[in-house]
Amino acid sequence: MDTIIKAQNLTEQYFEEDCYITEIVNSDEFPTVSVSQAKVKPNVATVLHRLKDTDEKYYILSGTGKMEVGGKVIGNVQQGDMVIIPKDTYQRITNIGSGDLVFLCICTPRFEIKNYEAN
């Protein structure tokens, strides 16, 4: 893998969770962590889901959201906030702003689709 990952080499793709994902780092070369950027359109909630055996952190880059973790709304989030999501815990985020909600998803160990489970 390159030492510098150039932004122009990254591609955004729609994911079944009802958001857009740009994988930044997610490979066998780095099994302990993955980083992606997620984008949720206004008035959209992601699918209620969990990651089996994978802790996740959301770092909010822009926009405003409402965060639900473990069956409870834990509060609203905005730029600079970080959400800690323990492994095996159902969660979703809703964009409550007028622009895109953009955040980093940091998974440990790295995200693998086999661990994604929608409710």
Protein backbone atom coordinates (compact mmCIF):
# COMPACT_ATOMS: atom_id res chain seq x y z
CA MET A 1 0.00 0.00 0.00
CA ASP A 2 1.19 3.52 -0.74
CA THR A 3 2.56 5.60 2.12
CA ILE A 4 0.34 8.51 1.09
CA ILE A 5 -3.21 7.71 0.06
CA LYS A 6 -4.22 10.40 -2.43
CA ALA A 7 -7.80 11.68 -2.21
CA GLN A 8 -8.23 11.63 -5.98
CA ASN A 9 -7.68 7.85 -5.95
CA LEU A 10 -10.64 7.25 -3.61
CA THR A 11 -14.16 6.57 -4.83
CA GLU A 12 -17.49 7.11 -3.13
CA GLN A 13 -20.04 4.30 -3.36
CA TYR A 14 -23.63 3.93 -2.21
CA PHE A 15 -23.95 1.36 0.59
CA GLU A 16 -27.11 -0.58 1.54
CA GLU A 17 -27.10 1.17 4.92
CA ASP A 18 -28.58 4.22 3.08
CA CYS A 19 -25.40 6.25 3.00
CA TYR A 20 -22.41 6.88 0.77
CA ILE A 21 -19.03 5.43 1.77
CA THR A 22 -15.51 6.30 0.69
CA GLU A 23 -13.05 3.67 1.91
CA ILE A 24 -9.80 5.37 2.92
CA VAL A 25 -7.96 2.44 4.53
CA ASN A 26 -9.36 -1.09 4.67
CA SER A 27 -7.07 -3.94 3.73
CA ASP A 28 -5.46 -7.13 4.96
CA GLU A 29 -2.26 -5.10 5.33
CA PHE A 30 -3.83 -3.22 8.27
CA PRO A 31 -6.06 -5.78 10.03
CA THR A 32 -6.38 -3.80 13.25
CA VAL A 33 -8.14 -0.70 11.86
CA SER A 34 -10.13 0.68 8.94
CA VAL A 35 -11.11 4.27 8.18
CA SER A 36 -13.84 5.39 5.83
CA GLN A 37 -15.79 8.57 5.21
CA ALA A 38 -19.58 8.32 5.32
CA LYS A 39 -22.11 10.78 3.92
CA VAL A 40 -25.80 10.82 4.85
CA LYS A 41 -28.20 13.04 2.92
CA PRO A 42 -30.60 15.42 4.75
CA ASN A 43 -33.64 13.80 6.41
CA VAL A 44 -32.18 10.30 5.96
CA ALA A 45 -31.53 7.78 8.73
CA THR A 46 -29.10 4.94 8.20
CA VAL A 47 -30.40 1.40 8.58
CA LEU A 48 -30.40 0.16 12.17
CA HIS A 49 -27.39 -2.16 12.23
CA ARG A 50 -24.51 -3.56 14.24
CA LEU A 51 -20.97 -4.71 13.59
CA LYS A 52 -20.23 -8.08 15.13
CA ASP A 53 -16.89 -8.21 16.95
CA THR A 54 -16.00 -4.69 15.74
CA ASP A 55 -15.84 -1.46 17.75
CA GLU A 56 -16.71 1.65 15.79
CA LYS A 57 -16.14 5.36 16.29
CA TYR A 58 -17.79 8.17 14.33
CA TYR A 59 -15.91 11.46 14.07
CA ILE A 60 -18.23 14.16 12.72
CA LEU A 61 -16.65 16.32 10.01
CA SER A 62 -19.70 18.41 9.03
CA GLY A 63 -23.45 18.55 9.44
CA THR A 64 -25.78 17.71 12.30
CA GLY A 65 -27.11 14.30 13.29
CA LYS A 66 -29.15 12.44 15.86
CA MET A 67 -27.35 9.37 17.20
CA GLU A 68 -29.00 6.18 18.42
CA VAL A 69 -26.89 3.52 20.16
CA GLY A 70 -28.16 0.42 21.93
CA GLY A 71 -31.83 1.25 21.36
CA LYS A 72 -31.63 4.76 22.84
CA VAL A 73 -31.19 8.19 21.31
CA ILE A 74 -28.00 9.33 22.99
CA GLY A 75 -28.06 12.88 21.60
CA ASN A 76 -27.34 15.16 18.71
CA VAL A 77 -23.89 15.38 17.12
CA GLN A 78 -22.10 18.07 15.16
CA GLN A 79 -18.67 18.91 13.77
CA GLY A 80 -15.87 17.79 16.08
CA ASP A 81 -17.96 15.31 18.09
CA MET A 82 -16.98 11.66 18.40
CA VAL A 83 -19.41 8.79 19.02
CA ILE A 84 -18.17 5.55 20.58
CA ILE A 85 -20.10 2.46 19.43
CA PRO A 86 -19.18 -0.78 21.22
CA LYS A 87 -18.99 -4.01 19.20
CA ASP A 88 -22.25 -5.94 18.74
CA THR A 89 -24.37 -2.84 19.54
CA TYR A 90 -27.20 -1.78 17.24
CA GLN A 91 -26.93 1.82 16.08
CA ARG A 92 -27.98 4.35 13.48
CA ILE A 93 -27.53 8.02 12.71
CA THR A 94 -30.09 10.43 11.26
CA ASN A 95 -29.17 13.58 9.37
CA ILE A 96 -31.27 16.32 11.01
CA GLY A 97 -29.58 19.21 9.20
CA SER A 98 -30.17 20.87 5.85
CA GLY A 99 -26.83 19.79 4.32
CA ASP A 100 -24.94 16.51 4.09
CA LEU A 101 -23.84 14.84 7.33
CA VAL A 102 -20.22 13.73 6.81
CA PHE A 103 -18.18 11.71 9.28
CA LEU A 104 -15.27 9.31 9.58
CA CYS A 105 -15.98 5.69 10.55
CA ILE A 106 -13.05 4.20 12.42
CA CYS A 107 -13.38 0.45 13.00
CA THR A 108 -11.24 -1.80 15.19
CA PRO A 109 -10.51 -4.38 14.01
CA ARG A 110 -11.06 -3.35 10.40
CA PHE A 111 -14.54 -3.38 8.86
CA GLU A 112 -15.46 -6.59 7.09
CA ILE A 113 -18.83 -6.99 5.39
CA LYS A 114 -19.30 -10.40 7.03
CA ASN A 115 -19.61 -8.58 10.37
CA TYR A 116 -22.33 -6.17 9.18
CA GLU A 117 -25.81 -7.10 10.36
CA ALA A 118 -28.94 -5.04 9.66
CA ASN A 119 -31.79 -5.27 12.12
